[in-house]
Amino acid sequence: IVLDVMLPDVDGFEVCEQLRLARVWTPIIMVTARDAVADR
């Protein structure tokens, strides 16, 4: 899954977390223009 962080409803961080809680273990690449270490 190629997952953009900035989304119009649920952001990418929340999507990723919800998928893991739902036991979806598909590898995820997060993509964003924000390069802050804290975001990574």
Full PDB file with SEQRES, HELIX, SHEET, SSBOND, CRYST1, ORIGX, SCALE, CONECT and MASTER records, all heavy atoms in Angstrom:
SEQRES   1 A   40  ILE VAL LEU ASP VAL MET LEU PRO ASP VAL ASP GLY PHE          
SEQRES   2 A   40  GLU VAL CYS GLU GLN LEU ARG LEU ALA ARG VAL TRP THR          
SEQRES   3 A   40  PRO ILE ILE MET VAL THR ALA ARG ASP ALA VAL ALA ASP          
SEQRES   4 A   40  ARG                                                          
HELIX    1 AA1 GLY A   12  LEU A   21  1                                  10    
SHEET    1 AA1 2 VAL A   2  ASP A   4  0                                        
SHEET    2 AA1 2 ILE A  29  VAL A  31  1                                        
CRYST1    1.000    1.000    1.000  90.00  90.00  90.00 P 1           1          
ORIGX1      1.000000  0.000000  0.000000        0.00000                         
ORIGX2      0.000000  1.000000  0.000000        0.00000                         
ORIGX3      0.000000  0.000000  1.000000        0.00000                         
SCALE1      1.000000  0.000000  0.000000        0.00000                         
SCALE2      0.000000  1.000000  0.000000        0.00000                         
SCALE3      0.000000  0.000000  1.000000        0.00000                         
ATOM      1  N   ILE A   1       0.855  -1.187   0.000  1.00  0.00           N  
ATOM      2  CA  ILE A   1       0.000   0.000   0.000  1.00  0.00           C  
ATOM      3  C   ILE A   1       0.889   1.235   0.000  1.00  0.00           C  
ATOM      4  O   ILE A   1       1.786   1.355   0.848  1.00  0.00           O  
ATOM      5  CB  ILE A   1      -0.924   0.029   1.231  1.00  0.00           C  
ATOM      6  CG1 ILE A   1      -1.866  -1.180   1.229  1.00  0.00           C  
ATOM      7  CG2 ILE A   1      -1.733   1.340   1.271  1.00  0.00           C  
ATOM      8  CD1 ILE A   1      -2.659  -1.341   2.511  1.00  0.00           C  
ATOM      9  N   VAL A   2       0.674   2.123  -0.970  1.00  0.00           N  
ATOM     10  CA  VAL A   2       1.377   3.410  -1.017  1.00  0.00           C  
ATOM     11  C   VAL A   2       0.411   4.442  -0.452  1.00  0.00           C  
ATOM     12  O   VAL A   2      -0.612   4.748  -1.063  1.00  0.00           O  
ATOM     13  CB  VAL A   2       1.802   3.767  -2.454  1.00  0.00           C  
ATOM     14  CG1 VAL A   2       2.506   5.127  -2.478  1.00  0.00           C  
ATOM     15  CG2 VAL A   2       2.719   2.683  -3.025  1.00  0.00           C  
ATOM     16  N   LEU A   3       0.737   4.977   0.703  1.00  0.00           N  
ATOM     17  CA  LEU A   3      -0.226   5.760   1.486  1.00  0.00           C  
ATOM     18  C   LEU A   3       0.238   7.200   1.688  1.00  0.00           C  
ATOM     19  O   LEU A   3       1.239   7.453   2.367  1.00  0.00           O  
ATOM     20  CB  LEU A   3      -0.420   5.068   2.848  1.00  0.00           C  
ATOM     21  CG  LEU A   3      -1.313   5.749   3.882  1.00  0.00           C  
ATOM     22  CD1 LEU A   3      -2.735   5.932   3.357  1.00  0.00           C  
ATOM     23  CD2 LEU A   3      -1.318   4.935   5.176  1.00  0.00           C  
ATOM     24  N   ASP A   4      -0.496   8.135   1.092  1.00  0.00           N  
ATOM     25  CA  ASP A   4      -0.199   9.557   1.289  1.00  0.00           C  
ATOM     26  C   ASP A   4      -0.622   9.971   2.698  1.00  0.00           C  
ATOM     27  O   ASP A   4      -1.642   9.503   3.214  1.00  0.00           O  
ATOM     28  CB  ASP A   4      -0.948  10.391   0.248  1.00  0.00           C  
ATOM     29  CG  ASP A   4      -0.500  11.838   0.240  1.00  0.00           C  
ATOM     30  OD1 ASP A   4       0.718  12.077   0.306  1.00  0.00           O  
ATOM     31  OD2 ASP A   4      -1.367  12.732   0.189  1.00  0.00           O  
ATOM     32  N   VAL A   5       0.147  10.831   3.328  1.00  0.00           N  
ATOM     33  CA  VAL A   5      -0.173  11.259   4.693  1.00  0.00           C  
ATOM     34  C   VAL A   5      -1.306  12.276   4.702  1.00  0.00           C  
ATOM     35  O   VAL A   5      -2.241  12.193   5.493  1.00  0.00           O  
ATOM     36  CB  VAL A   5       1.075  11.842   5.385  1.00  0.00           C  
ATOM     37  CG1 VAL A   5       0.696  12.527   6.700  1.00  0.00           C  
ATOM     38  CG2 VAL A   5       2.089  10.734   5.653  1.00  0.00           C  
ATOM     39  N   MET A   6      -1.229  13.269   3.813  1.00  0.00           N  
ATOM     40  CA  MET A   6      -2.212  14.355   3.805  1.00  0.00           C  
ATOM     41  C   MET A   6      -3.432  13.953   2.988  1.00  0.00           C  
ATOM     42  O   MET A   6      -3.409  13.974   1.757  1.00  0.00           O  
ATOM     43  CB  MET A   6      -1.581  15.627   3.239  1.00  0.00           C  
ATOM     44  CG  MET A   6      -0.360  16.094   4.019  1.00  0.00           C  
ATOM     45  SD  MET A   6      -0.743  16.474   5.749  1.00  0.00           S  
ATOM     46  CE  MET A   6      -1.738  17.958   5.527  1.00  0.00           C  
ATOM     47  N   LEU A   7      -4.507  13.577   3.678  1.00  0.00           N  
ATOM     48  CA  LEU A   7      -5.744  13.166   3.028  1.00  0.00           C  
ATOM     49  C   LEU A   7      -6.891  14.054   3.504  1.00  0.00           C  
ATOM     50  O   LEU A   7      -6.812  14.642   4.585  1.00  0.00           O  
ATOM     51  CB  LEU A   7      -6.040  11.698   3.345  1.00  0.00           C  
ATOM     52  CG  LEU A   7      -5.016  10.680   2.817  1.00  0.00           C  
ATOM     53  CD1 LEU A   7      -5.282   9.295   3.383  1.00  0.00           C  
ATOM     54  CD2 LEU A   7      -5.032  10.649   1.286  1.00  0.00           C  
ATOM     55  N   PRO A   8      -7.988  14.146   2.741  1.00  0.00           N  
ATOM     56  CA  PRO A   8      -9.037  15.111   3.077  1.00  0.00           C  
ATOM     57  C   PRO A   8      -9.891  14.729   4.286  1.00  0.00           C  
ATOM     58  O   PRO A   8     -10.548  15.581   4.866  1.00  0.00           O  
ATOM     59  CB  PRO A   8      -9.906  15.132   1.805  1.00  0.00           C  
ATOM     60  CG  PRO A   8      -9.665  13.795   1.171  1.00  0.00           C  
ATOM     61  CD  PRO A   8      -8.225  13.471   1.463  1.00  0.00           C  
ATOM     62  N   ASP A   9      -9.892  13.461   4.654  1.00  0.00           N  
ATOM     63  CA  ASP A   9     -10.742  13.062   5.787  1.00  0.00           C  
ATOM     64  C   ASP A   9      -9.886  12.481   6.917  1.00  0.00           C  
ATOM     65  O   ASP A   9      -9.502  13.178   7.836  1.00  0.00           O  
ATOM     66  CB  ASP A   9     -11.811  12.059   5.333  1.00  0.00           C  
ATOM     67  CG  ASP A   9     -11.237  10.930   4.480  1.00  0.00           C  
ATOM     68  OD1 ASP A   9     -10.024  10.916   4.240  1.00  0.00           O  
ATOM     69  OD2 ASP A   9     -12.018  10.059   4.056  1.00  0.00           O  
ATOM     70  N   VAL A  10      -9.579  11.215   6.839  1.00  0.00           N  
ATOM     71  CA  VAL A  10      -8.716  10.566   7.828  1.00  0.00           C  
ATOM     72  C   VAL A  10      -7.282  10.633   7.316  1.00  0.00           C  
ATOM     73  O   VAL A  10      -7.012  10.221   6.188  1.00  0.00           O  
ATOM     74  CB  VAL A  10      -9.136   9.097   8.023  1.00  0.00           C  
ATOM     75  CG1 VAL A  10      -8.316   8.447   9.127  1.00  0.00           C  
ATOM     76  CG2 VAL A  10     -10.623   8.997   8.327  1.00  0.00           C  
ATOM     77  N   ASP A  11      -6.348  11.152   8.109  1.00  0.00           N  
ATOM     78  CA  ASP A  11      -4.979  11.281   7.591  1.00  0.00           C  
ATOM     79  C   ASP A  11      -4.298   9.906   7.517  1.00  0.00           C  
ATOM     80  O   ASP A  11      -4.774   8.903   8.052  1.00  0.00           O  
ATOM     81  CB  ASP A  11      -4.158  12.282   8.397  1.00  0.00           C  
ATOM     82  CG  ASP A  11      -3.800  11.818   9.799  1.00  0.00           C  
ATOM     83  OD1 ASP A  11      -3.760  10.613  10.062  1.00  0.00           O  
ATOM     84  OD2 ASP A  11      -3.550  12.696  10.655  1.00  0.00           O  
ATOM     85  N   GLY A  12      -3.165   9.886   6.823  1.00  0.00           N  
ATOM     86  CA  GLY A  12      -2.464   8.630   6.587  1.00  0.00           C  
ATOM     87  C   GLY A  12      -2.014   7.932   7.853  1.00  0.00           C  
ATOM     88  O   GLY A  12      -2.001   6.686   7.910  1.00  0.00           O  
ATOM     89  N   PHE A  13      -1.634   8.688   8.870  1.00  0.00           N  
ATOM     90  CA  PHE A  13      -1.222   8.071  10.135  1.00  0.00           C  
ATOM     91  C   PHE A  13      -2.381   7.272  10.731  1.00  0.00           C  
ATOM     92  O   PHE A  13      -2.208   6.135  11.181  1.00  0.00           O  
ATOM     93  CB  PHE A  13      -0.777   9.141  11.134  1.00  0.00           C  
ATOM     94  CG  PHE A  13       0.410   9.942  10.695  1.00  0.00           C  
ATOM     95  CD1 PHE A  13       0.334  11.330  10.602  1.00  0.00           C  
ATOM     96  CD2 PHE A  13       1.610   9.326  10.372  1.00  0.00           C  
ATOM     97  CE1 PHE A  13       1.426  12.081  10.197  1.00  0.00           C  
ATOM     98  CE2 PHE A  13       2.711  10.063   9.977  1.00  0.00           C  
ATOM     99  CZ  PHE A  13       2.625  11.446   9.881  1.00  0.00           C  
ATOM    100  N   GLU A  14      -3.572   7.871  10.728  1.00  0.00           N  
ATOM    101  CA  GLU A  14      -4.747   7.210  11.283  1.00  0.00           C  
ATOM    102  C   GLU A  14      -5.142   5.995  10.440  1.00  0.00           C  
ATOM    103  O   GLU A  14      -5.517   4.945  10.983  1.00  0.00           O  
ATOM    104  CB  GLU A  14      -5.918   8.186  11.370  1.00  0.00           C  
ATOM    105  CG  GLU A  14      -7.198   7.602  11.950  1.00  0.00           C  
ATOM    106  CD  GLU A  14      -7.100   7.280  13.420  1.00  0.00           C  
ATOM    107  OE1 GLU A  14      -6.177   7.787  14.098  1.00  0.00           O  
ATOM    108  OE2 GLU A  14      -7.944   6.500  13.897  1.00  0.00           O  
ATOM    109  N   VAL A  15      -5.058   6.120   9.115  1.00  0.00           N  
ATOM    110  CA  VAL A  15      -5.369   4.990   8.241  1.00  0.00           C  
ATOM    111  C   VAL A  15      -4.441   3.820   8.544  1.00  0.00           C  
ATOM    112  O   VAL A  15      -4.881   2.669   8.690  1.00  0.00           O  
ATOM    113  CB  VAL A  15      -5.249   5.396   6.758  1.00  0.00           C  
ATOM    114  CG1 VAL A  15      -5.348   4.159   5.853  1.00  0.00           C  
ATOM    115  CG2 VAL A  15      -6.336   6.394   6.389  1.00  0.00           C  
ATOM    116  N   CYS A  16      -3.157   4.105   8.634  1.00  0.00           N  
ATOM    117  CA  CYS A  16      -2.173   3.057   8.912  1.00  0.00           C  
ATOM    118  C   CYS A  16      -2.460   2.385  10.249  1.00  0.00           C  
ATOM    119  O   CYS A  16      -2.481   1.148  10.359  1.00  0.00           O  
ATOM    120  CB  CYS A  16      -0.770   3.660   8.907  1.00  0.00           C  
ATOM    121  SG  CYS A  16       0.545   2.448   9.161  1.00  0.00           S  
ATOM    122  N   GLU A  17      -2.716   3.182  11.265  1.00  0.00           N  
ATOM    123  CA  GLU A  17      -2.982   2.636  12.589  1.00  0.00           C  
ATOM    124  C   GLU A  17      -4.247   1.785  12.591  1.00  0.00           C  
ATOM    125  O   GLU A  17      -4.276   0.694  13.177  1.00  0.00           O  
ATOM    126  CB  GLU A  17      -3.097   3.771  13.605  1.00  0.00           C  
ATOM    127  CG  GLU A  17      -3.210   3.293  15.048  1.00  0.00           C  
ATOM    128  CD  GLU A  17      -3.106   4.434  16.035  1.00  0.00           C  
ATOM    129  OE1 GLU A  17      -3.371   5.594  15.659  1.00  0.00           O  
ATOM    130  OE2 GLU A  17      -2.757   4.160  17.194  1.00  0.00           O  
ATOM    131  N   GLN A  18      -5.297   2.261  11.923  1.00  0.00           N  
ATOM    132  CA  GLN A  18      -6.556   1.514  11.882  1.00  0.00           C  
ATOM    133  C   GLN A  18      -6.403   0.197  11.124  1.00  0.00           C  
ATOM    134  O   GLN A  18      -6.991  -0.821  11.515  1.00  0.00           O  
ATOM    135  CB  GLN A  18      -7.656   2.365  11.242  1.00  0.00           C  
ATOM    136  CG  GLN A  18      -8.138   3.531  12.096  1.00  0.00           C  
ATOM    137  CD  GLN A  18      -8.704   3.057  13.427  1.00  0.00           C  
ATOM    138  OE1 GLN A  18      -9.461   2.092  13.489  1.00  0.00           O  
ATOM    139  NE2 GLN A  18      -8.331   3.746  14.501  1.00  0.00           N  
ATOM    140  N   LEU A  19      -5.618   0.189  10.070  1.00  0.00           N  
ATOM    141  CA  LEU A  19      -5.396  -1.052   9.334  1.00  0.00           C  
ATOM    142  C   LEU A  19      -4.660  -2.074  10.186  1.00  0.00           C  
ATOM    143  O   LEU A  19      -4.990  -3.272  10.178  1.00  0.00           O  
ATOM    144  CB  LEU A  19      -4.604  -0.776   8.048  1.00  0.00           C  
ATOM    145  CG  LEU A  19      -5.372  -0.065   6.936  1.00  0.00           C  
ATOM    146  CD1 LEU A  19      -4.451   0.236   5.762  1.00  0.00           C  
ATOM    147  CD2 LEU A  19      -6.564  -0.904   6.470  1.00  0.00           C  
ATOM    148  N   ARG A  20      -3.672  -1.617  10.931  1.00  0.00           N  
ATOM    149  CA  ARG A  20      -2.942  -2.555  11.795  1.00  0.00           C  
ATOM    150  C   ARG A  20      -3.839  -3.079  12.917  1.00  0.00           C  
ATOM    151  O   ARG A  20      -3.781  -4.265  13.272  1.00  0.00           O  
ATOM    152  CB  ARG A  20      -1.694  -1.894  12.375  1.00  0.00           C  
ATOM    153  CG  ARG A  20      -0.629  -1.485  11.353  1.00  0.00           C  
ATOM    154  CD  ARG A  20      -0.341  -2.572  10.345  1.00  0.00           C  
ATOM    155  NE  ARG A  20       0.799  -2.273   9.492  1.00  0.00           N  
ATOM    156  CZ  ARG A  20       0.907  -2.635   8.235  1.00  0.00           C  
ATOM    157  NH1 ARG A  20      -0.079  -3.305   7.659  1.00  0.00           N  
ATOM    158  NH2 ARG A  20       1.983  -2.358   7.524  1.00  0.00           N  
ATOM    159  N   LEU A  21      -4.692  -2.221  13.454  1.00  0.00           N  
ATOM    160  CA  LEU A  21      -5.625  -2.669  14.488  1.00  0.00           C  
ATOM    161  C   LEU A  21      -6.621  -3.681  13.915  1.00  0.00           C  
ATOM    162  O   LEU A  21      -7.096  -4.574  14.629  1.00  0.00           O  
ATOM    163  CB  LEU A  21      -6.376  -1.479  15.085  1.00  0.00           C  
ATOM    164  CG  LEU A  21      -5.556  -0.548  15.990  1.00  0.00           C  
ATOM    165  CD1 LEU A  21      -6.364   0.679  16.370  1.00  0.00           C  
ATOM    166  CD2 LEU A  21      -5.086  -1.295  17.249  1.00  0.00           C  
ATOM    167  N   ALA A  22      -6.924  -3.540  12.625  1.00  0.00           N  
ATOM    168  CA  ALA A  22      -7.828  -4.480  11.949  1.00  0.00           C  
ATOM    169  C   ALA A  22      -7.077  -5.726  11.462  1.00  0.00           C  
ATOM    170  O   ALA A  22      -7.656  -6.558  10.764  1.00  0.00           O  
ATOM    171  CB  ALA A  22      -8.509  -3.794  10.767  1.00  0.00           C  
ATOM    172  N   ARG A  23      -5.793  -5.833  11.828  1.00  0.00           N  
ATOM    173  CA  ARG A  23      -4.949  -6.981  11.492  1.00  0.00           C  
ATOM    174  C   ARG A  23      -4.724  -7.115   9.984  1.00  0.00           C  
ATOM    175  O   ARG A  23      -4.641  -8.209   9.433  1.00  0.00           O  
ATOM    176  CB  ARG A  23      -5.500  -8.276  12.084  1.00  0.00           C  
ATOM    177  CG  ARG A  23      -5.725  -8.206  13.589  1.00  0.00           C  
ATOM    178  CD  ARG A  23      -6.089  -9.532  14.191  1.00  0.00           C  
ATOM    179  NE  ARG A  23      -4.961 -10.461  14.194  1.00  0.00           N  
ATOM    180  CZ  ARG A  23      -3.945 -10.409  15.051  1.00  0.00           C  
ATOM    181  NH1 ARG A  23      -3.895  -9.468  15.989  1.00  0.00           N  
ATOM    182  NH2 ARG A  23      -2.976 -11.292  14.993  1.00  0.00           N  
ATOM    183  N   VAL A  24      -4.619  -5.981   9.319  1.00  0.00           N  
ATOM    184  CA  VAL A  24      -4.193  -5.942   7.914  1.00  0.00           C  
ATOM    185  C   VAL A  24      -2.689  -5.683   7.923  1.00  0.00           C  
ATOM    186  O   VAL A  24      -2.240  -4.593   8.287  1.00  0.00           O  
ATOM    187  CB  VAL A  24      -4.926  -4.834   7.133  1.00  0.00           C  
ATOM    188  CG1 VAL A  24      -4.383  -4.747   5.702  1.00  0.00           C  
ATOM    189  CG2 VAL A  24      -6.422  -5.104   7.115  1.00  0.00           C  
ATOM    190  N   TRP A  25      -1.909  -6.672   7.513  1.00  0.00           N  
ATOM    191  CA  TRP A  25      -0.441  -6.582   7.635  1.00  0.00           C  
ATOM    192  C   TRP A  25       0.247  -6.294   6.312  1.00  0.00           C  
ATOM    193  O   TRP A  25       1.467  -6.430   6.200  1.00  0.00           O  
ATOM    194  CB  TRP A  25       0.108  -7.878   8.237  1.00  0.00           C  
ATOM    195  CG  TRP A  25      -0.583  -8.277   9.497  1.00  0.00           C  
ATOM    196  CD1 TRP A  25      -1.303  -9.402   9.726  1.00  0.00           C  
ATOM    197  CD2 TRP A  25      -0.634  -7.537  10.729  1.00  0.00           C  
ATOM    198  NE1 TRP A  25      -1.794  -9.412  11.000  1.00  0.00           N  
ATOM    199  CE2 TRP A  25      -1.406  -8.285  11.637  1.00  0.00           C  
ATOM    200  CE3 TRP A  25      -0.115  -6.303  11.138  1.00  0.00           C  
ATOM    201  CZ2 TRP A  25      -1.670  -7.843  12.938  1.00  0.00           C  
ATOM    202  CZ3 TRP A  25      -0.376  -5.864  12.435  1.00  0.00           C  
ATOM    203  CH2 TRP A  25      -1.136  -6.633  13.315  1.00  0.00           C  
ATOM    204  N   THR A  26      -0.509  -5.906   5.292  1.00  0.00           N  
ATOM    205  CA  THR A  26       0.088  -5.538   4.009  1.00  0.00           C  
ATOM    206  C   THR A  26       1.160  -4.466   4.228  1.00  0.00           C  
ATOM    207  O   THR A  26       0.906  -3.483   4.925  1.00  0.00           O  
ATOM    208  CB  THR A  26      -0.986  -4.979   3.059  1.00  0.00           C  
ATOM    209  OG1 THR A  26      -2.057  -5.911   2.972  1.00  0.00           O  
ATOM    210  CG2 THR A  26      -0.403  -4.720   1.683  1.00  0.00           C  
ATOM    211  N   PRO A  27       2.359  -4.628   3.651  1.00  0.00           N  
ATOM    212  CA  PRO A  27       3.393  -3.598   3.809  1.00  0.00           C  
ATOM    213  C   PRO A  27       2.907  -2.233   3.335  1.00  0.00           C  
ATOM    214  O   PRO A  27       2.215  -2.134   2.317  1.00  0.00           O  
ATOM    215  CB  PRO A  27       4.544  -4.112   2.934  1.00  0.00           C  
ATOM    216  CG  PRO A  27       4.338  -5.590   2.883  1.00  0.00           C  
ATOM    217  CD  PRO A  27       2.848  -5.797   2.902  1.00  0.00           C  
ATOM    218  N   ILE A  28       3.272  -1.198   4.080  1.00  0.00           N  
ATOM    219  CA  ILE A  28       2.826   0.169   3.783  1.00  0.00           C  
ATOM    220  C   ILE A  28       4.024   1.097   3.609  1.00  0.00           C  
ATOM    221  O   ILE A  28       4.911   1.139   4.464  1.00  0.00           O  
ATOM    222  CB  ILE A  28       1.915   0.708   4.909  1.00  0.00           C  
ATOM    223  CG1 ILE A  28       0.604  -0.083   4.963  1.00  0.00           C  
ATOM    224  CG2 ILE A  28       1.623   2.201   4.707  1.00  0.00           C  
ATOM    225  CD1 ILE A  28      -0.298   0.303   6.122  1.00  0.00           C  
ATOM    226  N   ILE A  29       4.013   1.822   2.475  1.00  0.00           N  
ATOM    227  CA  ILE A  29       4.961   2.924   2.271  1.00  0.00           C  
ATOM    228  C   ILE A  29       4.194   4.218   2.474  1.00  0.00           C  
ATOM    229  O   ILE A  29       3.234   4.492   1.755  1.00  0.00           O  
ATOM    230  CB  ILE A  29       5.569   2.919   0.862  1.00  0.00           C  
ATOM    231  CG1 ILE A  29       6.328   1.626   0.569  1.00  0.00           C  
ATOM    232  CG2 ILE A  29       6.516   4.114   0.684  1.00  0.00           C  
ATOM    233  CD1 ILE A  29       6.899   1.554  -0.839  1.00  0.00           C  
ATOM    234  N   MET A  30       4.596   5.024   3.437  1.00  0.00           N  
ATOM    235  CA  MET A  30       3.959   6.319   3.648  1.00  0.00           C  
ATOM    236  C   MET A  30       4.668   7.358   2.797  1.00  0.00           C  
ATOM    237  O   MET A  30       5.903   7.403   2.748  1.00  0.00           O  
ATOM    238  CB  MET A  30       3.988   6.704   5.126  1.00  0.00           C  
ATOM    239  CG  MET A  30       3.266   5.720   6.020  1.00  0.00           C  
ATOM    240  SD  MET A  30       2.750   6.407   7.608  1.00  0.00           S  
ATOM    241  CE  MET A  30       1.287   7.309   7.112  1.00  0.00           C  
ATOM    242  N   VAL A  31       3.880   8.189   2.115  1.00  0.00           N  
ATOM    243  CA  VAL A  31       4.426   9.202   1.199  1.00  0.00           C  
ATOM    244  C   VAL A  31       3.925  10.569   1.636  1.00  0.00           C  
ATOM    245  O   VAL A  31       2.728  10.757   1.876  1.00  0.00           O  
ATOM    246  CB  VAL A  31       3.986   8.928  -0.255  1.00  0.00           C  
ATOM    247  CG1 VAL A  31       4.535  10.000  -1.183  1.00  0.00           C  
ATOM    248  CG2 VAL A  31       4.442   7.549  -0.700  1.00  0.00           C  
ATOM    249  N   THR A  32       4.837  11.541   1.727  1.00  0.00           N  
ATOM    250  CA  THR A  32       4.431  12.878   2.146  1.00  0.00           C  
ATOM    251  C   THR A  32       5.460  13.916   1.721  1.00  0.00           C  
ATOM    252  O   THR A  32       6.629  13.591   1.482  1.00  0.00           O  
ATOM    253  CB  THR A  32       4.259  12.950   3.678  1.00  0.00           C  
ATOM    254  OG1 THR A  32       3.833  14.249   4.050  1.00  0.00           O  
ATOM    255  CG2 THR A  32       5.554  12.632   4.387  1.00  0.00           C  
ATOM    256  N   ALA A  33       5.009  15.160   1.604  1.00  0.00           N  
ATOM    257  CA  ALA A  33       5.920  16.265   1.340  1.00  0.00           C  
ATOM    258  C   ALA A  33       6.571  16.740   2.633  1.00  0.00           C  
ATOM    259  O   ALA A  33       7.519  17.519   2.611  1.00  0.00           O  
ATOM    260  CB  ALA A  33       5.172  17.415   0.676  1.00  0.00           C  
ATOM    261  N   ARG A  34       6.033  16.264   3.770  1.00  0.00           N  
ATOM    262  CA  ARG A  34       6.578  16.661   5.072  1.00  0.00           C  
ATOM    263  C   ARG A  34       7.749  15.753   5.405  1.00  0.00           C  
ATOM    264  O   ARG A  34       7.615  14.539   5.482  1.00  0.00           O  
ATOM    265  CB  ARG A  34       5.493  16.526   6.146  1.00  0.00           C  
ATOM    266  CG  ARG A  34       4.357  17.516   5.964  1.00  0.00           C  
ATOM    267  CD  ARG A  34       3.053  17.070   6.583  1.00  0.00           C  
ATOM    268  NE  ARG A  34       3.167  16.611   7.956  1.00  0.00           N  
ATOM    269  CZ  ARG A  34       2.107  16.321   8.717  1.00  0.00           C  
ATOM    270  NH1 ARG A  34       0.883  16.453   8.234  1.00  0.00           N  
ATOM    271  NH2 ARG A  34       2.270  15.911   9.947  1.00  0.00           N  
ATOM    272  N   ASP A  35       8.931  16.366   5.554  1.00  0.00           N  
ATOM    273  CA  ASP A  35      10.124  15.547   5.787  1.00  0.00           C  
ATOM    274  C   ASP A  35      10.655  15.678   7.208  1.00  0.00           C  
ATOM    275  O   ASP A  35      11.796  15.325   7.488  1.00  0.00           O  
ATOM    276  CB  ASP A  35      11.230  15.903   4.789  1.00  0.00           C  
ATOM    277  CG  ASP A  35      11.682  17.353   4.904  1.00  0.00           C  
ATOM    278  OD1 ASP A  35      11.054  18.105   5.681  1.00  0.00           O  
ATOM    279  OD2 ASP A  35      12.652  17.724   4.221  1.00  0.00           O  
ATOM    280  N   ALA A  36       9.826  16.159   8.133  1.00  0.00           N  
ATOM    281  CA  ALA A  36      10.269  16.291   9.518  1.00  0.00           C  
ATOM    282  C   ALA A  36      10.529  14.918  10.110  1.00  0.00           C  
ATOM    283  O   ALA A  36       9.800  13.956   9.855  1.00  0.00           O  
ATOM    284  CB  ALA A  36       9.218  17.030  10.341  1.00  0.00           C  
ATOM    285  N   VAL A  37      11.581  14.830  10.903  1.00  0.00           N  
ATOM    286  CA  VAL A  37      11.932  13.555  11.533  1.00  0.00           C  
ATOM    287  C   VAL A  37      10.779  13.043  12.389  1.00  0.00           C  
ATOM    288  O   VAL A  37      10.477  11.845  12.405  1.00  0.00           O  
ATOM    289  CB  VAL A  37      13.208  13.708  12.381  1.00  0.00           C  
ATOM    290  CG1 VAL A  37      13.479  12.446  13.189  1.00  0.00           C  
ATOM    291  CG2 VAL A  37      14.398  14.021  11.481  1.00  0.00           C  
ATOM    292  N   ALA A  38      10.099  13.949  13.087  1.00  0.00           N  
ATOM    293  CA  ALA A  38       8.992  13.542  13.960  1.00  0.00           C  
ATOM    294  C   ALA A  38       7.890  12.856  13.163  1.00  0.00           C  
ATOM    295  O   ALA A  38       7.268  11.893  13.639  1.00  0.00           O  
ATOM    296  CB  ALA A  38       8.430  14.754  14.699  1.00  0.00           C  
ATOM    297  N   ASP A  39       7.624  13.320  11.937  1.00  0.00           N  
ATOM    298  CA  ASP A  39       6.606  12.692  11.097  1.00  0.00           C  
ATOM    299  C   ASP A  39       7.034  11.293  10.670  1.00  0.00           C  
ATOM    300  O   ASP A  39       6.225  10.357  10.654  1.00  0.00           O  
ATOM    301  CB  ASP A  39       6.336  13.541   9.853  1.00  0.00           C  
ATOM    302  CG  ASP A  39       5.578  14.819  10.184  1.00  0.00           C  
ATOM    303  OD1 ASP A  39       4.825  14.817  11.173  1.00  0.00           O  
ATOM    304  OD2 ASP A  39       5.748  15.814   9.460  1.00  0.00           O  
ATOM    305  N   ARG A  40       8.301  11.145  10.318  1.00  0.00           N  
ATOM    306  CA  ARG A  40       8.785   9.823   9.914  1.00  0.00           C  
ATOM    307  C   ARG A  40       8.705   8.851  11.087  1.00  0.00           C  
ATOM    308  O   ARG A  40       8.303   7.696  10.921  1.00  0.00           O  
ATOM    309  CB  ARG A  40      10.221   9.923   9.393  1.00  0.00           C  
ATOM    310  CG  ARG A  40      10.337  10.735   8.106  1.00  0.00           C  
ATOM    311  CD  ARG A  40      11.631  10.444   7.376  1.00  0.00           C  
ATOM    312  NE  ARG A  40      12.813  10.835   8.135  1.00  0.00           N  
ATOM    313  CZ  ARG A  40      13.358  12.045   8.099  1.00  0.00           C  
ATOM    314  NH1 ARG A  40      12.795  13.002   7.366  1.00  0.00           N  
ATOM    315  NH2 ARG A  40      14.439  12.310   8.798  1.00  0.00           N  
TER     316      ARG A  40                                                      
MASTER        0    0    0    1    2    0    0    6  315    1    0    4          
END                                                                             
